[in-house]
Amino acid sequence: MAMTAGVSTRLVGRLLGVTQSRQLPKLPRDSALRLFYLSDQRLAELARTRIPADDARRQVEELLARGCSPLALARYCRLSTAELDTLRHSSTCTELTALLVRSARLQYPG
């Protein structure tokens, strides 16, 4: 959701990790508005909208070269291992897949 809204993933992570004993971090107004106006319709469109797969393919190859397990990466990206392999040779992918691959790259820094 953070990437779709164009909001820092770190900021959203801090917001989600707030406990009762910790104070909520200051949320910049523009970030708050972007998150607030993110609709279910927009999120559903991510799974239908096809975009060029160049960046996603490159990031998948980087992750695999760093030793990320194909099975773990596929699961993280909500794909089967066969779909992940297809992505590695595809010219397009869904916007959701591209965002999940980008997120995986942030989660598995090398």
PDB file of N, CA and C in Angstrom:
ATOM      1  N   MET A   1       0.822  -1.186   0.000  1.00  0.00           N
ATOM      2  CA  MET A   1       0.000   0.000   0.000  1.00  0.00           C
ATOM      3  C   MET A   1       0.865   1.248   0.000  1.00  0.00           C
ATOM      4  N   ALA A   2       1.958   1.208   0.751  1.00  0.00           N
ATOM      5  CA  ALA A   2       2.820   2.383   0.819  1.00  0.00           C
ATOM      6  C   ALA A   2       3.359   2.735  -0.559  1.00  0.00           C
ATOM      7  N   MET A   3       3.835   1.747  -1.281  1.00  0.00           N
ATOM      8  CA  MET A   3       4.392   1.998  -2.608  1.00  0.00           C
ATOM      9  C   MET A   3       3.326   2.492  -3.581  1.00  0.00           C
ATOM     10  N   THR A   4       2.152   1.925  -3.492  1.00  0.00           N
ATOM     11  CA  THR A   4       1.052   2.349  -4.364  1.00  0.00           C
ATOM     12  C   THR A   4       0.678   3.794  -4.095  1.00  0.00           C
ATOM     13  N   ALA A   5       0.690   4.175  -2.842  1.00  0.00           N
ATOM     14  CA  ALA A   5       0.323   5.541  -2.467  1.00  0.00           C
ATOM     15  C   ALA A   5       1.479   6.517  -2.646  1.00  0.00           C
ATOM     16  N   GLY A   6       2.677   5.982  -2.900  1.00  0.00           N
ATOM     17  CA  GLY A   6       3.829   6.859  -3.034  1.00  0.00           C
ATOM     18  C   GLY A   6       4.310   7.406  -1.699  1.00  0.00           C
ATOM     19  N   VAL A   7       4.179   6.564  -0.667  1.00  0.00           N
ATOM     20  CA  VAL A   7       4.548   6.946   0.692  1.00  0.00           C
ATOM     21  C   VAL A   7       5.719   6.067   1.119  1.00  0.00           C
ATOM     22  N   SER A   8       6.574   6.598   1.932  1.00  0.00           N
ATOM     23  CA  SER A   8       7.726   5.854   2.428  1.00  0.00           C
ATOM     24  C   SER A   8       7.296   4.562   3.123  1.00  0.00           C
ATOM     25  N   THR A   9       7.889   3.448   2.709  1.00  0.00           N
ATOM     26  CA  THR A   9       7.576   2.172   3.360  1.00  0.00           C
ATOM     27  C   THR A   9       8.058   2.172   4.806  1.00  0.00           C
ATOM     28  N   ARG A  10       9.131   2.885   5.059  1.00  0.00           N
ATOM     29  CA  ARG A  10       9.646   2.979   6.428  1.00  0.00           C
ATOM     30  C   ARG A  10       8.640   3.699   7.330  1.00  0.00           C
ATOM     31  N   LEU A  11       8.060   4.777   6.805  1.00  0.00           N
ATOM     32  CA  LEU A  11       7.059   5.522   7.579  1.00  0.00           C
ATOM     33  C   LEU A  11       5.864   4.637   7.905  1.00  0.00           C
ATOM     34  N   VAL A  12       5.355   3.927   6.922  1.00  0.00           N
ATOM     35  CA  VAL A  12       4.199   3.054   7.150  1.00  0.00           C
ATOM     36  C   VAL A  12       4.566   1.940   8.124  1.00  0.00           C
ATOM     37  N   GLY A  13       5.762   1.391   7.988  1.00  0.00           N
ATOM     38  CA  GLY A  13       6.215   0.369   8.933  1.00  0.00           C
ATOM     39  C   GLY A  13       6.255   0.892  10.359  1.00  0.00           C
ATOM     40  N   ARG A  14       6.719   2.128  10.508  1.00  0.00           N
ATOM     41  CA  ARG A  14       6.736   2.738  11.843  1.00  0.00           C
ATOM     42  C   ARG A  14       5.324   2.942  12.365  1.00  0.00           C
ATOM     43  N   LEU A  15       4.406   3.330  11.486  1.00  0.00           N
ATOM     44  CA  LEU A  15       3.012   3.524  11.907  1.00  0.00           C
ATOM     45  C   LEU A  15       2.392   2.198  12.346  1.00  0.00           C
ATOM     46  N   LEU A  16       2.672   1.151  11.603  1.00  0.00           N
ATOM     47  CA  LEU A  16       2.088  -0.156  11.917  1.00  0.00           C
ATOM     48  C   LEU A  16       2.715  -0.791  13.148  1.00  0.00           C
ATOM     49  N   GLY A  17       3.949  -0.411  13.460  1.00  0.00           N
ATOM     50  CA  GLY A  17       4.650  -1.008  14.595  1.00  0.00           C
ATOM     51  C   GLY A  17       4.471  -0.277  15.902  1.00  0.00           C
ATOM     52  N   VAL A  18       3.611   0.716  15.924  1.00  0.00           N
ATOM     53  CA  VAL A  18       3.407   1.499  17.141  1.00  0.00           C
ATOM     54  C   VAL A  18       2.704   0.649  18.194  1.00  0.00           C
ATOM     55  N   THR A  19       3.251   0.664  19.394  1.00  0.00           N
ATOM     56  CA  THR A  19       2.626  -0.044  20.516  1.00  0.00           C
ATOM     57  C   THR A  19       1.983   0.995  21.430  1.00  0.00           C
ATOM     58  N   GLN A  20       1.259   0.523  22.409  1.00  0.00           N
ATOM     59  CA  GLN A  20       0.593   1.442  23.336  1.00  0.00           C
ATOM     60  C   GLN A  20       1.592   2.288  24.107  1.00  0.00           C
ATOM     61  N   SER A  21       2.788   1.758  24.301  1.00  0.00           N
ATOM     62  CA  SER A  21       3.777   2.500  25.079  1.00  0.00           C
ATOM     63  C   SER A  21       4.572   3.485  24.230  1.00  0.00           C
ATOM     64  N   ARG A  22       4.436   3.406  22.918  1.00  0.00           N
ATOM     65  CA  ARG A  22       5.165   4.326  22.032  1.00  0.00           C
ATOM     66  C   ARG A  22       4.201   5.322  21.413  1.00  0.00           C
ATOM     67  N   GLN A  23       4.709   6.496  21.187  1.00  0.00           N
ATOM     68  CA  GLN A  23       3.915   7.558  20.585  1.00  0.00           C
ATOM     69  C   GLN A  23       3.898   7.391  19.063  1.00  0.00           C
ATOM     70  N   LEU A  24       2.784   7.672  18.464  1.00  0.00           N
ATOM     71  CA  LEU A  24       2.631   7.619  17.016  1.00  0.00           C
ATOM     72  C   LEU A  24       3.562   8.641  16.374  1.00  0.00           C
ATOM     73  N   PRO A  25       4.364   8.213  15.364  1.00  0.00           N
ATOM     74  CA  PRO A  25       5.249   9.183  14.728  1.00  0.00           C
ATOM     75  C   PRO A  25       4.462  10.236  13.967  1.00  0.00           C
ATOM     76  N   LYS A  26       5.074  11.395  13.779  1.00  0.00           N
ATOM     77  CA  LYS A  26       4.427  12.480  13.033  1.00  0.00           C
ATOM     78  C   LYS A  26       4.265  12.030  11.585  1.00  0.00           C
ATOM     79  N   LEU A  27       3.049  12.138  11.089  1.00  0.00           N
ATOM     80  CA  LEU A  27       2.731  11.738   9.728  1.00  0.00           C
ATOM     81  C   LEU A  27       2.603  12.993   8.875  1.00  0.00           C
ATOM     82  N   PRO A  28       3.506  13.163   7.908  1.00  0.00           N
ATOM     83  CA  PRO A  28       3.399  14.346   7.047  1.00  0.00           C
ATOM     84  C   PRO A  28       2.034  14.396   6.354  1.00  0.00           C
ATOM     85  N   ARG A  29       1.506  15.594   6.216  1.00  0.00           N
ATOM     86  CA  ARG A  29       0.166  15.789   5.643  1.00  0.00           C
ATOM     87  C   ARG A  29       0.039  15.143   4.269  1.00  0.00           C
ATOM     88  N   ASP A  30       1.020  15.326   3.381  1.00  0.00           N
ATOM     89  CA  ASP A  30       0.901  14.760   2.034  1.00  0.00           C
ATOM     90  C   ASP A  30       0.870  13.231   2.077  1.00  0.00           C
ATOM     91  N   SER A  31       1.638  12.628   2.974  1.00  0.00           N
ATOM     92  CA  SER A  31       1.613  11.170   3.120  1.00  0.00           C
ATOM     93  C   SER A  31       0.275  10.693   3.656  1.00  0.00           C
ATOM     94  N   ALA A  32      -0.249  11.426   4.631  1.00  0.00           N
ATOM     95  CA  ALA A  32      -1.552  11.067   5.199  1.00  0.00           C
ATOM     96  C   ALA A  32      -2.638  11.116   4.133  1.00  0.00           C
ATOM     97  N   LEU A  33      -2.633  12.164   3.314  1.00  0.00           N
ATOM     98  CA  LEU A  33      -3.640  12.287   2.259  1.00  0.00           C
ATOM     99  C   LEU A  33      -3.503  11.187   1.216  1.00  0.00           C
ATOM    100  N   ARG A  34      -2.268  10.858   0.855  1.00  0.00           N
ATOM    101  CA  ARG A  34      -2.059   9.784  -0.132  1.00  0.00           C
ATOM    102  C   ARG A  34      -2.592   8.449   0.382  1.00  0.00           C
ATOM    103  N   LEU A  35      -2.326   8.162   1.642  1.00  0.00           N
ATOM    104  CA  LEU A  35      -2.831   6.910   2.217  1.00  0.00           C
ATOM    105  C   LEU A  35      -4.350   6.944   2.362  1.00  0.00           C
ATOM    106  N   PHE A  36      -4.878   8.066   2.791  1.00  0.00           N
ATOM    107  CA  PHE A  36      -6.315   8.194   2.999  1.00  0.00           C
ATOM    108  C   PHE A  36      -7.087   7.999   1.694  1.00  0.00           C
ATOM    109  N   TYR A  37      -6.572   8.520   0.588  1.00  0.00           N
ATOM    110  CA  TYR A  37      -7.291   8.447  -0.677  1.00  0.00           C
ATOM    111  C   TYR A  37      -6.994   7.188  -1.490  1.00  0.00           C
ATOM    112  N   LEU A  38      -6.204   6.293  -0.940  1.00  0.00           N
ATOM    113  CA  LEU A  38      -5.946   5.024  -1.607  1.00  0.00           C
ATOM    114  C   LEU A  38      -7.206   4.167  -1.512  1.00  0.00           C
ATOM    115  N   SER A  39      -7.767   3.812  -2.646  1.00  0.00           N
ATOM    116  CA  SER A  39      -9.062   3.124  -2.646  1.00  0.00           C
ATOM    117  C   SER A  39      -8.917   1.628  -2.897  1.00  0.00           C
ATOM    118  N   ASP A  40      -9.940   0.888  -2.497  1.00  0.00           N
ATOM    119  CA  ASP A  40      -9.996  -0.541  -2.790  1.00  0.00           C
ATOM    120  C   ASP A  40      -9.955  -0.772  -4.300  1.00  0.00           C
ATOM    121  N   GLN A  41     -10.603   0.117  -5.032  1.00  0.00           N
ATOM    122  CA  GLN A  41     -10.634   0.009  -6.495  1.00  0.00           C
ATOM    123  C   GLN A  41      -9.217   0.118  -7.064  1.00  0.00           C
ATOM    124  N   ARG A  42      -8.439   1.077  -6.568  1.00  0.00           N
ATOM    125  CA  ARG A  42      -7.065   1.244  -7.050  1.00  0.00           C
ATOM    126  C   ARG A  42      -6.234   0.018  -6.721  1.00  0.00           C
ATOM    127  N   LEU A  43      -6.397  -0.509  -5.527  1.00  0.00           N
ATOM    128  CA  LEU A  43      -5.639  -1.708  -5.140  1.00  0.00           C
ATOM    129  C   LEU A  43      -6.025  -2.902  -6.013  1.00  0.00           C
ATOM    130  N   ALA A  44      -7.304  -3.041  -6.338  1.00  0.00           N
ATOM    131  CA  ALA A  44      -7.745  -4.137  -7.208  1.00  0.00           C
ATOM    132  C   ALA A  44      -7.205  -3.965  -8.624  1.00  0.00           C
ATOM    133  N   GLU A  45      -7.080  -2.722  -9.076  1.00  0.00           N
ATOM    134  CA  GLU A  45      -6.538  -2.456 -10.411  1.00  0.00           C
ATOM    135  C   GLU A  45      -5.099  -2.938 -10.543  1.00  0.00           C
ATOM    136  N   LEU A  46      -4.369  -2.936  -9.443  1.00  0.00           N
ATOM    137  CA  LEU A  46      -2.972  -3.362  -9.485  1.00  0.00           C
ATOM    138  C   LEU A  46      -2.826  -4.782 -10.026  1.00  0.00           C
ATOM    139  N   ALA A  47      -3.771  -5.633  -9.686  1.00  0.00           N
ATOM    140  CA  ALA A  47      -3.706  -7.032 -10.118  1.00  0.00           C
ATOM    141  C   ALA A  47      -4.133  -7.212 -11.572  1.00  0.00           C
ATOM    142  N   ARG A  48      -4.762  -6.187 -12.151  1.00  0.00           N
ATOM    143  CA  ARG A  48      -5.233  -6.296 -13.542  1.00  0.00           C
ATOM    144  C   ARG A  48      -4.392  -5.503 -14.531  1.00  0.00           C
ATOM    145  N   THR A  49      -3.720  -4.472 -14.051  1.00  0.00           N
ATOM    146  CA  THR A  49      -2.982  -3.579 -14.933  1.00  0.00           C
ATOM    147  C   THR A  49      -1.631  -4.178 -15.295  1.00  0.00           C
ATOM    148  N   ARG A  50      -1.387  -4.332 -16.594  1.00  0.00           N
ATOM    149  CA  ARG A  50      -0.119  -4.878 -17.066  1.00  0.00           C
ATOM    150  C   ARG A  50       0.827  -3.738 -17.406  1.00  0.00           C
ATOM    151  N   ILE A  51       2.078  -3.912 -16.994  1.00  0.00           N
ATOM    152  CA  ILE A  51       3.116  -2.913 -17.247  1.00  0.00           C
ATOM    153  C   ILE A  51       4.356  -3.635 -17.770  1.00  0.00           C
ATOM    154  N   PRO A  52       5.316  -2.905 -18.342  1.00  0.00           N
ATOM    155  CA  PRO A  52       6.561  -3.547 -18.771  1.00  0.00           C
ATOM    156  C   PRO A  52       7.254  -4.218 -17.584  1.00  0.00           C
ATOM    157  N   ALA A  53       7.805  -5.386 -17.813  1.00  0.00           N
ATOM    158  CA  ALA A  53       8.394  -6.178 -16.733  1.00  0.00           C
ATOM    159  C   ALA A  53       9.902  -5.988 -16.591  1.00  0.00           C
ATOM    160  N   ASP A  54      10.487  -5.054 -17.328  1.00  0.00           N
ATOM    161  CA  ASP A  54      11.946  -4.898 -17.329  1.00  0.00           C
ATOM    162  C   ASP A  54      12.528  -4.754 -15.921  1.00  0.00           C
ATOM    163  N   ASP A  55      12.002  -3.815 -15.137  1.00  0.00           N
ATOM    164  CA  ASP A  55      12.528  -3.601 -13.781  1.00  0.00           C
ATOM    165  C   ASP A  55      12.286  -4.816 -12.890  1.00  0.00           C
ATOM    166  N   ALA A  56      11.108  -5.383 -12.968  1.00  0.00           N
ATOM    167  CA  ALA A  56      10.784  -6.554 -12.134  1.00  0.00           C
ATOM    168  C   ALA A  56      11.711  -7.724 -12.474  1.00  0.00           C
ATOM    169  N   ARG A  57      11.932  -7.948 -13.759  1.00  0.00           N
ATOM    170  CA  ARG A  57      12.842  -9.045 -14.175  1.00  0.00           C
ATOM    171  C   ARG A  57      14.246  -8.816 -13.615  1.00  0.00           C
ATOM    172  N   ARG A  58      14.744  -7.600 -13.756  1.00  0.00           N
ATOM    173  CA  ARG A  58      16.087  -7.278 -13.280  1.00  0.00           C
ATOM    174  C   ARG A  58      16.176  -7.475 -11.764  1.00  0.00           C
ATOM    175  N   GLN A  59      15.164  -7.037 -11.037  1.00  0.00           N
ATOM    176  CA  GLN A  59      15.173  -7.166  -9.582  1.00  0.00           C
ATOM    177  C   GLN A  59      15.078  -8.630  -9.149  1.00  0.00           C
ATOM    178  N   VAL A  60      14.278  -9.422  -9.867  1.00  0.00           N
ATOM    179  CA  VAL A  60      14.187 -10.851  -9.560  1.00  0.00           C
ATOM    180  C   VAL A  60      15.553 -11.504  -9.759  1.00  0.00           C
ATOM    181  N   GLU A  61      16.207 -11.192 -10.859  1.00  0.00           N
ATOM    182  CA  GLU A  61      17.529 -11.764 -11.123  1.00  0.00           C
ATOM    183  C   GLU A  61      18.537 -11.353 -10.053  1.00  0.00           C
ATOM    184  N   GLU A  62      18.489 -10.096  -9.614  1.00  0.00           N
ATOM    185  CA  GLU A  62      19.361  -9.621  -8.533  1.00  0.00           C
ATOM    186  C   GLU A  62      19.132 -10.413  -7.256  1.00  0.00           C
ATOM    187  N   LEU A  63      17.867 -10.579  -6.903  1.00  0.00           N
ATOM    188  CA  LEU A  63      17.526 -11.299  -5.677  1.00  0.00           C
ATOM    189  C   LEU A  63      17.991 -12.743  -5.737  1.00  0.00           C
ATOM    190  N   LEU A  64      17.762 -13.394  -6.854  1.00  0.00           N
ATOM    191  CA  LEU A  64      18.181 -14.784  -6.994  1.00  0.00           C
ATOM    192  C   LEU A  64      19.707 -14.903  -6.978  1.00  0.00           C
ATOM    193  N   ALA A  65      20.397 -13.949  -7.599  1.00  0.00           N
ATOM    194  CA  ALA A  65      21.862 -13.964  -7.611  1.00  0.00           C
ATOM    195  C   ALA A  65      22.436 -13.758  -6.207  1.00  0.00           C
ATOM    196  N   ARG A  66      21.698 -13.036  -5.360  1.00  0.00           N
ATOM    197  CA  ARG A  66      22.135 -12.802  -3.973  1.00  0.00           C
ATOM    198  C   ARG A  66      21.856 -14.000  -3.076  1.00  0.00           C
ATOM    199  N   GLY A  67      21.195 -15.013  -3.626  1.00  0.00           N
ATOM    200  CA  GLY A  67      20.926 -16.211  -2.845  1.00  0.00           C
ATOM    201  C   GLY A  67      19.521 -16.333  -2.298  1.00  0.00           C
ATOM    202  N   CYS A  68      18.644 -15.432  -2.688  1.00  0.00           N
ATOM    203  CA  CYS A  68      17.252 -15.537  -2.254  1.00  0.00           C
ATOM    204  C   CYS A  68      16.648 -16.814  -2.849  1.00  0.00           C
ATOM    205  N   SER A  69      15.979 -17.566  -2.049  1.00  0.00           N
ATOM    206  CA  SER A  69      15.354 -18.808  -2.496  1.00  0.00           C
ATOM    207  C   SER A  69      14.238 -18.514  -3.499  1.00  0.00           C
ATOM    208  N   PRO A  70      14.223 -19.215  -4.652  1.00  0.00           N
ATOM    209  CA  PRO A  70      13.136 -19.004  -5.610  1.00  0.00           C
ATOM    210  C   PRO A  70      11.754 -19.249  -4.989  1.00  0.00           C
ATOM    211  N   LEU A  71      11.654 -20.257  -4.132  1.00  0.00           N
ATOM    212  CA  LEU A  71      10.377 -20.555  -3.488  1.00  0.00           C
ATOM    213  C   LEU A  71       9.957 -19.415  -2.561  1.00  0.00           C
ATOM    214  N   ALA A  72      10.898 -18.916  -1.747  1.00  0.00           N
ATOM    215  CA  ALA A  72      10.584 -17.809  -0.829  1.00  0.00           C
ATOM    216  C   ALA A  72      10.207 -16.550  -1.609  1.00  0.00           C
ATOM    217  N   LEU A  73      10.935 -16.279  -2.683  1.00  0.00           N
ATOM    218  CA  LEU A  73      10.639 -15.094  -3.488  1.00  0.00           C
ATOM    219  C   LEU A  73       9.279 -15.222  -4.157  1.00  0.00           C
ATOM    220  N   ALA A  74       8.994 -16.391  -4.694  1.00  0.00           N
ATOM    221  CA  ALA A  74       7.686 -16.612  -5.333  1.00  0.00           C
ATOM    222  C   ALA A  74       6.559 -16.414  -4.326  1.00  0.00           C
ATOM    223  N   ARG A  75       6.704 -16.976  -3.154  1.00  0.00           N
ATOM    224  CA  ARG A  75       5.668 -16.829  -2.124  1.00  0.00           C
ATOM    225  C   ARG A  75       5.486 -15.372  -1.735  1.00  0.00           C
ATOM    226  N   TYR A  76       6.592 -14.661  -1.548  1.00  0.00           N
ATOM    227  CA  TYR A  76       6.520 -13.254  -1.166  1.00  0.00           C
ATOM    228  C   TYR A  76       5.773 -12.451  -2.230  1.00  0.00           C
ATOM    229  N   CYS A  77       6.010 -12.797  -3.493  1.00  0.00           N
ATOM    230  CA  CYS A  77       5.393 -12.066  -4.613  1.00  0.00           C
ATOM    231  C   CYS A  77       4.033 -12.633  -5.003  1.00  0.00           C
ATOM    232  N   ARG A  78       3.529 -13.572  -4.206  1.00  0.00           N
ATOM    233  CA  ARG A  78       2.227 -14.193  -4.449  1.00  0.00           C
ATOM    234  C   ARG A  78       2.166 -14.895  -5.803  1.00  0.00           C
ATOM    235  N   LEU A  79       3.260 -15.590  -6.131  1.00  0.00           N
ATOM    236  CA  LEU A  79       3.367 -16.328  -7.385  1.00  0.00           C
ATOM    237  C   LEU A  79       3.738 -17.771  -7.073  1.00  0.00           C
ATOM    238  N   SER A  80       3.460 -18.649  -8.015  1.00  0.00           N
ATOM    239  CA  SER A  80       4.008 -20.008  -7.931  1.00  0.00           C
ATOM    240  C   SER A  80       5.438 -19.926  -8.454  1.00  0.00           C
ATOM    241  N   THR A  81       6.227 -20.965  -8.208  1.00  0.00           N
ATOM    242  CA  THR A  81       7.591 -20.950  -8.742  1.00  0.00           C
ATOM    243  C   THR A  81       7.573 -20.966 -10.270  1.00  0.00           C
ATOM    244  N   ALA A  82       6.574 -21.600 -10.864  1.00  0.00           N
ATOM    245  CA  ALA A  82       6.446 -21.593 -12.330  1.00  0.00           C
ATOM    246  C   ALA A  82       6.139 -20.183 -12.832  1.00  0.00           C
ATOM    247  N   GLU A  83       5.282 -19.454 -12.119  1.00  0.00           N
ATOM    248  CA  GLU A  83       4.969 -18.077 -12.510  1.00  0.00           C
ATOM    249  C   GLU A  83       6.184 -17.168 -12.343  1.00  0.00           C
ATOM    250  N   LEU A  84       6.978 -17.410 -11.292  1.00  0.00           N
ATOM    251  CA  LEU A  84       8.195 -16.631 -11.097  1.00  0.00           C
ATOM    252  C   LEU A  84       9.156 -16.876 -12.255  1.00  0.00           C
ATOM    253  N   ASP A  85       9.290 -18.130 -12.661  1.00  0.00           N
ATOM    254  CA  ASP A  85      10.164 -18.453 -13.790  1.00  0.00           C
ATOM    255  C   ASP A  85       9.653 -17.796 -15.074  1.00  0.00           C
ATOM    256  N   THR A  86       8.347 -17.788 -15.266  1.00  0.00           N
ATOM    257  CA  THR A  86       7.752 -17.126 -16.439  1.00  0.00           C
ATOM    258  C   THR A  86       8.043 -15.631 -16.407  1.00  0.00           C
ATOM    259  N   LEU A  87       7.950 -15.019 -15.235  1.00  0.00           N
ATOM    260  CA  LEU A  87       8.236 -13.593 -15.090  1.00  0.00           C
ATOM    261  C   LEU A  87       9.656 -13.275 -15.541  1.00  0.00           C
ATOM    262  N   ARG A  88      10.583 -14.177 -15.285  1.00  0.00           N
ATOM    263  CA  ARG A  88      11.984 -13.944 -15.638  1.00  0.00           C
ATOM    264  C   ARG A  88      12.194 -13.813 -17.143  1.00  0.00           C
ATOM    265  N   HIS A  89      11.196 -14.225 -17.925  1.00  0.00           N
ATOM    266  CA  HIS A  89      11.324 -14.180 -19.395  1.00  0.00           C
ATOM    267  C   HIS A  89      10.185 -13.401 -20.046  1.00  0.00           C
ATOM    268  N   SER A  90       9.372 -12.758 -19.243  1.00  0.00           N
ATOM    269  CA  SER A  90       8.186 -12.079 -19.757  1.00  0.00           C
ATOM    270  C   SER A  90       8.468 -10.609 -20.089  1.00  0.00           C
ATOM    271  N   SER A  91       7.716 -10.081 -21.017  1.00  0.00           N
ATOM    272  CA  SER A  91       7.870  -8.661 -21.357  1.00  0.00           C
ATOM    273  C   SER A  91       6.939  -7.781 -20.517  1.00  0.00           C
ATOM    274  N   THR A  92       5.896  -8.374 -19.934  1.00  0.00           N
ATOM    275  CA  THR A  92       4.976  -7.618 -19.082  1.00  0.00           C
ATOM    276  C   THR A  92       4.669  -8.406 -17.812  1.00  0.00           C
ATOM    277  N   CYS A  93       4.183  -7.682 -16.833  1.00  0.00           N
ATOM    278  CA  CYS A  93       3.701  -8.299 -15.597  1.00  0.00           C
ATOM    279  C   CYS A  93       2.639  -7.373 -15.034  1.00  0.00           C
ATOM    280  N   THR A  94       1.932  -7.837 -14.005  1.00  0.00           N
ATOM    281  CA  THR A  94       0.937  -6.955 -13.393  1.00  0.00           C
ATOM    282  C   THR A  94       1.653  -5.918 -12.548  1.00  0.00           C
ATOM    283  N   GLU A  95       0.981  -4.813 -12.350  1.00  0.00           N
ATOM    284  CA  GLU A  95       1.533  -3.756 -11.509  1.00  0.00           C
ATOM    285  C   GLU A  95       1.728  -4.272 -10.086  1.00  0.00           C
ATOM    286  N   LEU A  96       0.817  -5.139  -9.628  1.00  0.00           N
ATOM    287  CA  LEU A  96       0.941  -5.731  -8.296  1.00  0.00           C
ATOM    288  C   LEU A  96       2.214  -6.560  -8.188  1.00  0.00           C
ATOM    289  N   THR A  97       2.484  -7.386  -9.187  1.00  0.00           N
ATOM    290  CA  THR A  97       3.697  -8.209  -9.165  1.00  0.00           C
ATOM    291  C   THR A  97       4.931  -7.324  -9.126  1.00  0.00           C
ATOM    292  N   ALA A  98       4.955  -6.274  -9.933  1.00  0.00           N
ATOM    293  CA  ALA A  98       6.102  -5.363  -9.949  1.00  0.00           C
ATOM    294  C   ALA A  98       6.309  -4.720  -8.578  1.00  0.00           C
ATOM    295  N   LEU A  99       5.220  -4.314  -7.923  1.00  0.00           N
ATOM    296  CA  LEU A  99       5.326  -3.717  -6.587  1.00  0.00           C
ATOM    297  C   LEU A  99       5.818  -4.725  -5.551  1.00  0.00           C
ATOM    298  N   LEU A 100       5.339  -5.954  -5.648  1.00  0.00           N
ATOM    299  CA  LEU A 100       5.765  -6.988  -4.703  1.00  0.00           C
ATOM    300  C   LEU A 100       7.236  -7.339  -4.901  1.00  0.00           C
ATOM    301  N   VAL A 101       7.688  -7.375  -6.144  1.00  0.00           N
ATOM    302  CA  VAL A 101       9.107  -7.636  -6.414  1.00  0.00           C
ATOM    303  C   VAL A 101       9.949  -6.493  -5.837  1.00  0.00           C
ATOM    304  N   ARG A 102       9.503  -5.269  -6.058  1.00  0.00           N
ATOM    305  CA  ARG A 102      10.216  -4.105  -5.506  1.00  0.00           C
ATOM    306  C   ARG A 102      10.266  -4.166  -3.983  1.00  0.00           C
ATOM    307  N   SER A 103       9.161  -4.554  -3.385  1.00  0.00           N
ATOM    308  CA  SER A 103       9.104  -4.691  -1.937  1.00  0.00           C
ATOM    309  C   SER A 103      10.046  -5.792  -1.454  1.00  0.00           C
ATOM    310  N   ALA A 104      10.078  -6.898  -2.185  1.00  0.00           N
ATOM    311  CA  ALA A 104      10.980  -7.996  -1.824  1.00  0.00           C
ATOM    312  C   ALA A 104      12.430  -7.531  -1.847  1.00  0.00           C
ATOM    313  N   ARG A 105      12.747  -6.717  -2.818  1.00  0.00           N
ATOM    314  CA  ARG A 105      14.114  -6.194  -2.919  1.00  0.00           C
ATOM    315  C   ARG A 105      14.454  -5.343  -1.695  1.00  0.00           C
ATOM    316  N   LEU A 106      13.490  -4.607  -1.167  1.00  0.00           N
ATOM    317  CA  LEU A 106      13.713  -3.821   0.042  1.00  0.00           C
ATOM    318  C   LEU A 106      13.830  -4.721   1.269  1.00  0.00           C
ATOM    319  N   GLN A 107      13.093  -5.824   1.277  1.00  0.00           N
ATOM    320  CA  GLN A 107      13.105  -6.749   2.421  1.00  0.00           C
ATOM    321  C   GLN A 107      14.354  -7.615   2.468  1.00  0.00           C
ATOM    322  N   TYR A 108      14.915  -7.912   1.291  1.00  0.00           N
ATOM    323  CA  TYR A 108      16.082  -8.803   1.207  1.00  0.00           C
ATOM    324  C   TYR A 108      17.274  -8.038   0.639  1.00  0.00           C
ATOM    325  N   PRO A 109      17.779  -7.035   1.367  1.00  0.00           N
ATOM    326  CA  PRO A 109      18.921  -6.285   0.832  1.00  0.00           C
ATOM    327  C   PRO A 109      20.154  -7.182   0.794  1.00  0.00           C
ATOM    328  N   GLY A 110      20.997  -6.927  -0.143  1.00  0.00           N
ATOM    329  CA  GLY A 110      22.183  -7.784  -0.272  1.00  0.00           C
ATOM    330  C   GLY A 110      23.385  -7.012  -0.099  1.00  0.00           C
TER     331      GLY A 110
END
